[in-house]
Amino acid sequence: MKHTIAVLVENQYGAFNRVATMFSGKGFNIHSISIGETEVPEISRMTIVTEGEDKIIEQVVKQLNRLIDTIKVIDLTGQTRVERELALITVFYQKGTRAEITNICEIFRGNIVDINNKTLTLEITGPPDKIDAVVNVLESYGIKEMARSGTVALKRGEQLKHEKKETVV
């Protein structure tokens, strides 16, 4: 089962590396990881999507909490949350397919951010399932290149407090 884990860490050199090293050292695969400053510049939020059984994820959360820079860890899986991802997708088009691709972009509430005589680059944001859906539809046109940001997520209705070393599972 996929799990979405939010980790608040001190915004210091090496914090990201310690988290990534912990995952690789334990043999855990990271499906996506996003990191950036929070509303407090001294704190960064990592959103990690990984897969594993509940007991294994429980161990991951405990290991993350032991890291020196960790402020708070929360497994957002199963909780009401808002999650988004950004994808830039460059698609080949021909004379007759440009309007079709433009319509697909509009249906998914995306934007065309670049165009030349052979390709269109689309910007799509939304939940990971929406990104998967648009990729699935665009594959038949020929995807030249794609970049996905990875999931970012917040617990719906409340912010994660910046209290030191609290684990919520």
N, C-alpha and C. Protein backbone atom coordinates (compact mmCIF):
# COMPACT_ATOMS: atom_id res chain seq x y z
N MET A 1 0.83 -1.18 0.00
CA MET A 1 0.00 0.00 0.00
C MET A 1 0.88 1.25 0.00
N LYS A 2 0.48 2.26 -0.79
CA LYS A 2 1.23 3.52 -0.82
C LYS A 2 0.91 4.34 0.41
N HIS A 3 1.95 4.98 0.94
CA HIS A 3 1.81 5.85 2.11
C HIS A 3 2.38 7.22 1.78
N THR A 4 1.71 8.25 2.25
CA THR A 4 2.19 9.62 2.13
C THR A 4 2.60 10.08 3.52
N ILE A 5 3.87 10.44 3.65
CA ILE A 5 4.43 10.82 4.94
C ILE A 5 4.94 12.26 4.86
N ALA A 6 4.50 13.10 5.80
CA ALA A 6 4.99 14.47 5.89
C ALA A 6 6.03 14.53 6.99
N VAL A 7 7.16 15.17 6.71
CA VAL A 7 8.24 15.29 7.68
C VAL A 7 8.65 16.75 7.75
N LEU A 8 8.55 17.33 8.94
CA LEU A 8 9.06 18.68 9.16
C LEU A 8 10.47 18.54 9.71
N VAL A 9 11.41 19.21 9.06
CA VAL A 9 12.81 19.13 9.48
C VAL A 9 13.37 20.53 9.59
N GLU A 10 14.44 20.64 10.39
CA GLU A 10 15.16 21.90 10.45
C GLU A 10 15.78 22.15 9.08
N ASN A 11 15.66 23.37 8.61
CA ASN A 11 16.16 23.73 7.28
C ASN A 11 17.67 23.94 7.37
N GLN A 12 18.39 22.82 7.42
CA GLN A 12 19.84 22.85 7.56
C GLN A 12 20.49 21.93 6.54
N TYR A 13 21.74 22.24 6.25
CA TYR A 13 22.53 21.43 5.35
C TYR A 13 22.55 19.98 5.83
N GLY A 14 22.28 19.04 4.92
CA GLY A 14 22.39 17.62 5.22
C GLY A 14 21.10 16.95 5.67
N ALA A 15 20.05 17.73 5.98
CA ALA A 15 18.80 17.13 6.46
C ALA A 15 18.19 16.21 5.40
N PHE A 16 18.11 16.69 4.17
CA PHE A 16 17.56 15.86 3.08
C PHE A 16 18.39 14.60 2.90
N ASN A 17 19.70 14.75 2.91
CA ASN A 17 20.59 13.61 2.71
C ASN A 17 20.40 12.54 3.80
N ARG A 18 20.22 12.96 5.03
CA ARG A 18 20.01 12.00 6.12
C ARG A 18 18.72 11.21 5.92
N VAL A 19 17.67 11.88 5.47
CA VAL A 19 16.40 11.18 5.22
C VAL A 19 16.56 10.19 4.05
N ALA A 20 17.15 10.65 2.95
CA ALA A 20 17.34 9.78 1.79
C ALA A 20 18.23 8.59 2.13
N THR A 21 19.28 8.83 2.91
CA THR A 21 20.19 7.76 3.32
C THR A 21 19.48 6.75 4.21
N MET A 22 18.61 7.23 5.09
CA MET A 22 17.85 6.32 5.95
C MET A 22 16.99 5.39 5.10
N PHE A 23 16.31 5.94 4.09
CA PHE A 23 15.47 5.11 3.23
C PHE A 23 16.30 4.09 2.46
N SER A 24 17.38 4.53 1.84
CA SER A 24 18.19 3.60 1.05
C SER A 24 18.89 2.58 1.92
N GLY A 25 19.33 2.99 3.10
CA GLY A 25 20.00 2.07 4.02
C GLY A 25 19.09 0.96 4.50
N LYS A 26 17.80 1.24 4.60
CA LYS A 26 16.82 0.25 5.04
C LYS A 26 16.19 -0.50 3.86
N GLY A 27 16.57 -0.13 2.65
CA GLY A 27 16.04 -0.80 1.47
C GLY A 27 14.63 -0.38 1.10
N PHE A 28 14.20 0.81 1.52
CA PHE A 28 12.87 1.31 1.19
C PHE A 28 12.94 2.12 -0.09
N ASN A 29 11.95 1.95 -0.94
CA ASN A 29 11.89 2.70 -2.18
C ASN A 29 11.07 3.97 -1.96
N ILE A 30 11.53 5.07 -2.49
CA ILE A 30 10.79 6.33 -2.45
C ILE A 30 10.16 6.53 -3.83
N HIS A 31 8.82 6.57 -3.88
CA HIS A 31 8.13 6.81 -5.14
C HIS A 31 8.26 8.27 -5.55
N SER A 32 8.11 9.17 -4.57
CA SER A 32 8.35 10.59 -4.85
C SER A 32 8.73 11.28 -3.55
N ILE A 33 9.48 12.36 -3.70
CA ILE A 33 9.85 13.17 -2.55
C ILE A 33 9.89 14.63 -3.01
N SER A 34 9.25 15.48 -2.24
CA SER A 34 9.26 16.92 -2.49
C SER A 34 9.68 17.59 -1.21
N ILE A 35 10.46 18.65 -1.34
CA ILE A 35 10.93 19.37 -0.15
C ILE A 35 10.99 20.85 -0.46
N GLY A 36 10.62 21.63 0.54
CA GLY A 36 10.70 23.08 0.40
C GLY A 36 10.46 23.75 1.73
N GLU A 37 10.79 25.03 1.78
CA GLU A 37 10.58 25.80 3.01
C GLU A 37 9.10 25.87 3.34
N THR A 38 8.81 25.99 4.63
CA THR A 38 7.44 26.20 5.09
C THR A 38 7.22 27.70 5.29
N GLU A 39 6.14 28.02 5.97
CA GLU A 39 5.88 29.43 6.31
C GLU A 39 6.90 29.96 7.30
N VAL A 40 7.65 29.05 7.93
CA VAL A 40 8.75 29.41 8.83
C VAL A 40 10.05 29.06 8.09
N PRO A 41 10.84 30.04 7.67
CA PRO A 41 12.01 29.78 6.83
C PRO A 41 13.02 28.79 7.43
N GLU A 42 13.05 28.63 8.74
CA GLU A 42 14.01 27.71 9.38
C GLU A 42 13.53 26.27 9.33
N ILE A 43 12.32 26.04 8.80
CA ILE A 43 11.75 24.69 8.76
C ILE A 43 11.39 24.33 7.32
N SER A 44 11.75 23.11 6.92
CA SER A 44 11.38 22.59 5.61
C SER A 44 10.38 21.45 5.79
N ARG A 45 9.51 21.29 4.82
CA ARG A 45 8.55 20.19 4.81
C ARG A 45 8.91 19.24 3.68
N MET A 46 9.08 17.98 4.03
CA MET A 46 9.28 16.93 3.04
C MET A 46 7.97 16.15 2.93
N THR A 47 7.57 15.88 1.72
CA THR A 47 6.44 14.99 1.49
C THR A 47 7.01 13.78 0.76
N ILE A 48 6.91 12.63 1.39
CA ILE A 48 7.49 11.40 0.86
C ILE A 48 6.38 10.41 0.57
N VAL A 49 6.37 9.87 -0.63
CA VAL A 49 5.44 8.80 -0.97
C VAL A 49 6.26 7.53 -1.11
N THR A 50 5.89 6.52 -0.33
CA THR A 50 6.60 5.24 -0.33
C THR A 50 5.57 4.12 -0.28
N GLU A 51 6.02 2.91 -0.38
CA GLU A 51 5.11 1.77 -0.37
C GLU A 51 5.60 0.72 0.60
N GLY A 52 4.67 0.10 1.30
CA GLY A 52 5.03 -0.96 2.23
C GLY A 52 3.88 -1.32 3.14
N GLU A 53 4.06 -2.40 3.85
CA GLU A 53 3.05 -2.83 4.81
C GLU A 53 3.03 -1.86 5.98
N ASP A 54 1.89 -1.82 6.67
CA ASP A 54 1.71 -0.87 7.77
C ASP A 54 2.80 -0.99 8.84
N LYS A 55 3.19 -2.21 9.18
CA LYS A 55 4.23 -2.40 10.21
C LYS A 55 5.57 -1.82 9.75
N ILE A 56 5.89 -1.99 8.49
CA ILE A 56 7.14 -1.45 7.94
C ILE A 56 7.10 0.07 7.95
N ILE A 57 5.96 0.65 7.55
CA ILE A 57 5.83 2.10 7.53
C ILE A 57 5.92 2.65 8.95
N GLU A 58 5.38 1.93 9.90
CA GLU A 58 5.49 2.33 11.30
C GLU A 58 6.96 2.42 11.72
N GLN A 59 7.76 1.46 11.27
CA GLN A 59 9.20 1.49 11.55
C GLN A 59 9.87 2.68 10.85
N VAL A 60 9.45 2.96 9.61
CA VAL A 60 9.99 4.11 8.87
C VAL A 60 9.73 5.39 9.65
N VAL A 61 8.50 5.55 10.15
CA VAL A 61 8.14 6.75 10.91
C VAL A 61 9.02 6.86 12.16
N LYS A 62 9.22 5.74 12.86
CA LYS A 62 10.07 5.75 14.06
C LYS A 62 11.51 6.12 13.70
N GLN A 63 12.02 5.57 12.61
CA GLN A 63 13.39 5.88 12.17
C GLN A 63 13.51 7.36 11.80
N LEU A 64 12.51 7.90 11.11
CA LEU A 64 12.53 9.32 10.73
C LEU A 64 12.56 10.20 11.97
N ASN A 65 11.80 9.80 12.98
CA ASN A 65 11.76 10.58 14.23
C ASN A 65 13.10 10.59 14.96
N ARG A 66 13.91 9.57 14.75
CA ARG A 66 15.21 9.48 15.42
C ARG A 66 16.27 10.38 14.77
N LEU A 67 16.01 10.82 13.55
CA LEU A 67 16.99 11.66 12.87
C LEU A 67 17.10 13.00 13.58
N ILE A 68 18.31 13.51 13.64
CA ILE A 68 18.63 14.68 14.44
C ILE A 68 17.86 15.94 14.02
N ASP A 69 17.60 16.13 12.74
CA ASP A 69 16.97 17.35 12.26
C ASP A 69 15.44 17.28 12.27
N THR A 70 14.87 16.14 12.61
CA THR A 70 13.42 15.95 12.52
C THR A 70 12.69 16.72 13.62
N ILE A 71 11.66 17.43 13.21
CA ILE A 71 10.80 18.15 14.15
C ILE A 71 9.51 17.36 14.37
N LYS A 72 8.90 16.89 13.27
CA LYS A 72 7.64 16.16 13.38
C LYS A 72 7.47 15.26 12.16
N VAL A 73 6.87 14.09 12.38
CA VAL A 73 6.57 13.13 11.31
C VAL A 73 5.11 12.75 11.43
N ILE A 74 4.41 12.75 10.30
CA ILE A 74 3.01 12.33 10.30
C ILE A 74 2.73 11.50 9.05
N ASP A 75 2.13 10.34 9.26
CA ASP A 75 1.68 9.50 8.14
C ASP A 75 0.30 9.99 7.75
N LEU A 76 0.20 10.62 6.59
CA LEU A 76 -1.05 11.20 6.12
C LEU A 76 -1.97 10.17 5.47
N THR A 77 -1.50 8.96 5.30
CA THR A 77 -2.28 7.92 4.66
C THR A 77 -3.56 7.67 5.45
N GLY A 78 -4.66 7.63 4.75
CA GLY A 78 -5.94 7.37 5.41
C GLY A 78 -6.55 8.59 6.08
N GLN A 79 -5.82 9.70 6.11
CA GLN A 79 -6.34 10.93 6.70
C GLN A 79 -6.86 11.84 5.59
N THR A 80 -7.80 12.69 5.96
CA THR A 80 -8.29 13.67 5.00
C THR A 80 -7.16 14.65 4.72
N ARG A 81 -6.80 14.77 3.45
CA ARG A 81 -5.67 15.62 3.09
C ARG A 81 -5.89 16.24 1.72
N VAL A 82 -5.12 17.27 1.47
CA VAL A 82 -5.07 17.89 0.15
C VAL A 82 -3.71 17.53 -0.42
N GLU A 83 -3.70 16.96 -1.62
CA GLU A 83 -2.41 16.64 -2.24
C GLU A 83 -2.43 17.06 -3.70
N ARG A 84 -1.29 17.54 -4.14
CA ARG A 84 -1.14 18.03 -5.50
C ARG A 84 0.22 17.63 -6.05
N GLU A 85 0.25 17.62 -7.37
CA GLU A 85 1.48 17.33 -8.10
C GLU A 85 1.47 18.22 -9.34
N LEU A 86 2.62 18.55 -9.82
CA LEU A 86 2.76 19.33 -11.05
C LEU A 86 3.45 18.45 -12.09
N ALA A 87 2.93 18.49 -13.31
CA ALA A 87 3.58 17.76 -14.40
C ALA A 87 3.74 18.71 -15.59
N LEU A 88 4.90 18.68 -16.19
CA LEU A 88 5.14 19.32 -17.48
C LEU A 88 5.28 18.19 -18.49
N ILE A 89 4.43 18.22 -19.51
CA ILE A 89 4.38 17.11 -20.48
C ILE A 89 4.51 17.69 -21.88
N THR A 90 5.54 17.28 -22.60
CA THR A 90 5.72 17.70 -23.99
C THR A 90 5.19 16.59 -24.88
N VAL A 91 4.23 16.96 -25.75
CA VAL A 91 3.52 16.00 -26.59
C VAL A 91 3.71 16.38 -28.05
N PHE A 92 3.96 15.37 -28.90
CA PHE A 92 4.02 15.59 -30.34
C PHE A 92 2.62 15.88 -30.87
N TYR A 93 2.51 16.75 -31.87
CA TYR A 93 1.21 16.96 -32.51
C TYR A 93 1.42 17.07 -34.01
N GLN A 94 0.32 16.79 -34.70
CA GLN A 94 0.27 16.97 -36.14
C GLN A 94 -0.85 17.97 -36.42
N LYS A 95 -0.97 18.35 -37.66
CA LYS A 95 -1.96 19.38 -38.02
C LYS A 95 -3.35 19.07 -37.45
N GLY A 96 -3.80 17.85 -37.56
CA GLY A 96 -5.14 17.49 -37.13
C GLY A 96 -5.29 17.20 -35.65
N THR A 97 -4.19 17.05 -34.92
CA THR A 97 -4.30 16.66 -33.51
C THR A 97 -4.07 17.81 -32.52
N ARG A 98 -3.63 18.93 -33.03
CA ARG A 98 -3.34 20.06 -32.12
C ARG A 98 -4.59 20.49 -31.35
N ALA A 99 -5.72 20.61 -32.03
CA ALA A 99 -6.97 21.02 -31.37
C ALA A 99 -7.40 19.96 -30.35
N GLU A 100 -7.23 18.69 -30.68
CA GLU A 100 -7.59 17.61 -29.76
C GLU A 100 -6.77 17.70 -28.46
N ILE A 101 -5.47 17.91 -28.62
CA ILE A 101 -4.59 18.00 -27.45
C ILE A 101 -4.93 19.25 -26.62
N THR A 102 -5.23 20.35 -27.30
CA THR A 102 -5.65 21.57 -26.61
C THR A 102 -6.93 21.32 -25.81
N ASN A 103 -7.89 20.60 -26.39
CA ASN A 103 -9.13 20.27 -25.68
C ASN A 103 -8.86 19.38 -24.47
N ILE A 104 -7.96 18.41 -24.61
CA ILE A 104 -7.60 17.55 -23.49
C ILE A 104 -7.01 18.40 -22.37
N CYS A 105 -6.14 19.32 -22.74
CA CYS A 105 -5.53 20.22 -21.76
C CYS A 105 -6.61 21.01 -21.03
N GLU A 106 -7.59 21.53 -21.74
CA GLU A 106 -8.68 22.29 -21.12
C GLU A 106 -9.52 21.41 -20.20
N ILE A 107 -9.82 20.19 -20.62
CA ILE A 107 -10.61 19.27 -19.81
C ILE A 107 -9.92 19.01 -18.46
N PHE A 108 -8.61 18.88 -18.49
CA PHE A 108 -7.84 18.63 -17.26
C PHE A 108 -7.42 19.93 -16.57
N ARG A 109 -7.96 21.04 -17.05
CA ARG A 109 -7.69 22.37 -16.49
C ARG A 109 -6.20 22.69 -16.44
N GLY A 110 -5.54 22.34 -17.51
CA GLY A 110 -4.11 22.60 -17.63
C GLY A 110 -3.86 23.85 -18.46
N ASN A 111 -2.59 24.12 -18.68
CA ASN A 111 -2.17 25.26 -19.49
C ASN A 111 -1.15 24.79 -20.52
N ILE A 112 -1.21 25.40 -21.69
CA ILE A 112 -0.15 25.20 -22.67
C ILE A 112 0.90 26.25 -22.38
N VAL A 113 2.12 25.79 -22.07
CA VAL A 113 3.17 26.72 -21.66
C VAL A 113 4.26 26.88 -22.70
N ASP A 114 4.23 26.04 -23.75
CA ASP A 114 5.21 26.17 -24.82
C ASP A 114 4.66 25.47 -26.05
N ILE A 115 5.01 26.01 -27.20
CA ILE A 115 4.59 25.41 -28.47
C ILE A 115 5.65 25.68 -29.52
N ASN A 116 5.87 24.70 -30.37
CA ASN A 116 6.68 24.91 -31.57
C ASN A 116 6.00 24.19 -32.71
N ASN A 117 6.68 23.98 -33.82
CA ASN A 117 6.00 23.39 -34.97
C ASN A 117 5.82 21.87 -34.87
N LYS A 118 6.31 21.24 -33.81
CA LYS A 118 6.15 19.79 -33.66
C LYS A 118 5.58 19.37 -32.31
N THR A 119 5.74 20.20 -31.29
CA THR A 119 5.33 19.79 -29.95
C THR A 119 4.58 20.89 -29.20
N LEU A 120 3.78 20.44 -28.23
CA LEU A 120 3.12 21.30 -27.26
C LEU A 120 3.61 20.88 -25.89
N THR A 121 3.86 21.83 -25.00
CA THR A 121 4.20 21.48 -23.61
C THR A 121 3.04 21.93 -22.74
N LEU A 122 2.50 20.97 -22.00
CA LEU A 122 1.37 21.21 -21.12
C LEU A 122 1.83 21.25 -19.68
N GLU A 123 1.16 22.09 -18.89
CA GLU A 123 1.37 22.16 -17.45
C GLU A 123 0.06 21.68 -16.82
N ILE A 124 0.13 20.61 -16.05
CA ILE A 124 -1.05 20.05 -15.40
C ILE A 124 -0.76 19.96 -13.90
N THR A 125 -1.70 20.44 -13.09
CA THR A 125 -1.58 20.28 -11.65
C THR A 125 -2.82 19.60 -11.12
N GLY A 126 -2.63 18.84 -10.05
CA GLY A 126 -3.76 18.17 -9.43
C GLY A 126 -3.29 16.98 -8.62
N PRO A 127 -4.24 16.20 -8.12
CA PRO A 127 -3.88 14.99 -7.39
C PRO A 127 -3.12 14.02 -8.31
N PRO A 128 -2.28 13.16 -7.75
CA PRO A 128 -1.51 12.22 -8.58
C PRO A 128 -2.37 11.39 -9.54
N ASP A 129 -3.59 11.02 -9.13
CA ASP A 129 -4.47 10.25 -10.01
C ASP A 129 -4.85 11.04 -11.26
N LYS A 130 -5.03 12.35 -11.11
CA LYS A 130 -5.34 13.20 -12.26
C LYS A 130 -4.15 13.25 -13.21
N ILE A 131 -2.96 13.35 -12.67
CA ILE A 131 -1.76 13.38 -13.51
C ILE A 131 -1.62 12.05 -14.26
N ASP A 132 -1.84 10.95 -13.55
CA ASP A 132 -1.80 9.63 -14.20
C ASP A 132 -2.82 9.55 -15.33
N ALA A 133 -4.02 10.10 -15.11
CA ALA A 133 -5.08 10.05 -16.12
C ALA A 133 -4.71 10.83 -17.37
N VAL A 134 -4.18 12.05 -17.20
CA VAL A 134 -3.82 12.84 -18.38
C VAL A 134 -2.66 12.20 -19.13
N VAL A 135 -1.71 11.62 -18.40
CA VAL A 135 -0.60 10.92 -19.06
C VAL A 135 -1.15 9.77 -19.89
N ASN A 136 -2.08 9.02 -19.33
CA ASN A 136 -2.69 7.89 -20.03
C ASN A 136 -3.37 8.34 -21.32
N VAL A 137 -4.09 9.46 -21.27
CA VAL A 137 -4.78 9.97 -22.46
C VAL A 137 -3.79 10.48 -23.50
N LEU A 138 -2.72 11.14 -23.05
CA LEU A 138 -1.77 11.74 -23.98
C LEU A 138 -0.79 10.75 -24.60
N GLU A 139 -0.65 9.57 -24.02
CA GLU A 139 0.30 8.59 -24.55
C GLU A 139 0.05 8.25 -26.01
N SER A 140 -1.20 8.23 -26.43
CA SER A 140 -1.51 7.87 -27.82
C SER A 140 -1.03 8.94 -28.82
N TYR A 141 -0.79 10.15 -28.35
CA TYR A 141 -0.28 11.22 -29.23
C TYR A 141 1.24 11.20 -29.31
N GLY A 142 1.88 10.55 -28.34
CA GLY A 142 3.33 10.49 -28.31
C GLY A 142 3.92 11.51 -27.37
N ILE A 143 4.23 11.06 -26.18
CA ILE A 143 4.86 11.94 -25.19
C ILE A 143 6.36 11.97 -25.48
N LYS A 144 6.87 13.16 -25.75
CA LYS A 144 8.30 13.32 -26.02
C LYS A 144 9.09 13.35 -24.72
N GLU A 145 8.55 14.07 -23.72
CA GLU A 145 9.28 14.28 -22.47
C GLU A 145 8.28 14.64 -21.38
N MET A 146 8.62 14.25 -20.15
CA MET A 146 7.75 14.56 -19.03
C MET A 146 8.58 14.75 -17.77
N ALA A 147 8.16 15.71 -16.95
CA ALA A 147 8.76 15.91 -15.63
C ALA A 147 7.61 16.07 -14.64
N ARG A 148 7.70 15.29 -13.54
CA ARG A 148 6.68 15.37 -12.49
C ARG A 148 7.35 15.81 -11.20
N SER A 149 6.66 16.68 -10.46
CA SER A 149 7.25 17.25 -9.25
C SER A 149 7.28 16.30 -8.08
N GLY A 150 6.42 15.33 -8.05
CA GLY A 150 6.22 14.53 -6.85
C GLY A 150 5.11 15.16 -6.04
N THR A 151 4.53 14.39 -5.17
CA THR A 151 3.38 14.83 -4.39
C THR A 151 3.77 15.80 -3.29
N VAL A 152 2.96 16.83 -3.11
CA VAL A 152 3.01 17.67 -1.91
C VAL A 152 1.65 17.53 -1.26
N ALA A 153 1.62 17.47 0.08
CA ALA A 153 0.36 17.22 0.77
C ALA A 153 0.31 17.95 2.10
N LEU A 154 -0.89 18.35 2.48
CA LEU A 154 -1.17 18.93 3.79
C LEU A 154 -2.41 18.25 4.34
N LYS A 155 -2.40 18.04 5.64
CA LYS A 155 -3.58 17.52 6.32
C LYS A 155 -4.68 18.54 6.15
N ARG A 156 -5.86 18.10 5.76
CA ARG A 156 -6.97 19.01 5.52
C ARG A 156 -7.50 19.56 6.83
N GLY A 157 -7.72 20.87 6.86
CA GLY A 157 -8.39 21.49 7.98
C GLY A 157 -7.50 21.92 9.12
N GLU A 158 -6.24 21.53 9.12
CA GLU A 158 -5.35 22.00 10.18
C GLU A 158 -3.91 21.92 9.71
N GLN A 159 -3.10 22.76 10.27
CA GLN A 159 -1.68 22.77 9.96
C GLN A 159 -0.95 21.82 10.89
N LEU A 160 0.19 21.33 10.44
CA LEU A 160 1.07 20.56 11.32
C LEU A 160 1.78 21.56 12.22
N LYS A 161 1.70 21.36 13.49
CA LYS A 161 2.38 22.25 14.45
C LYS A 161 3.88 21.97 14.39
N HIS A 162 4.66 22.95 14.76
CA HIS A 162 6.11 22.85 14.71
C HIS A 162 6.70 22.46 16.07
N GLU A 163 6.00 21.61 16.80
CA GLU A 163 6.50 21.18 18.10
C GLU A 163 7.55 20.10 17.89
N LYS A 164 8.55 20.08 18.73
CA LYS A 164 9.67 19.17 18.59
C LYS A 164 9.28 17.72 18.82
N LYS A 165 9.66 16.84 17.90
CA LYS A 165 9.62 15.38 18.02
C LYS A 165 8.27 14.80 18.43
N GLU A 166 7.23 15.15 17.71
CA GLU A 166 5.93 14.54 17.98
C GLU A 166 5.59 13.63 16.81
N THR A 167 5.17 12.42 17.11
CA THR A 167 4.80 11.47 16.06
C THR A 167 3.31 11.24 16.11
N VAL A 168 2.67 11.36 14.95
CA VAL A 168 1.26 11.05 14.85
C VAL A 168 1.14 9.98 13.78
N VAL A 169 0.62 8.82 14.15
CA VAL A 169 0.47 7.73 13.19
C VAL A 169 -0.98 7.39 13.02
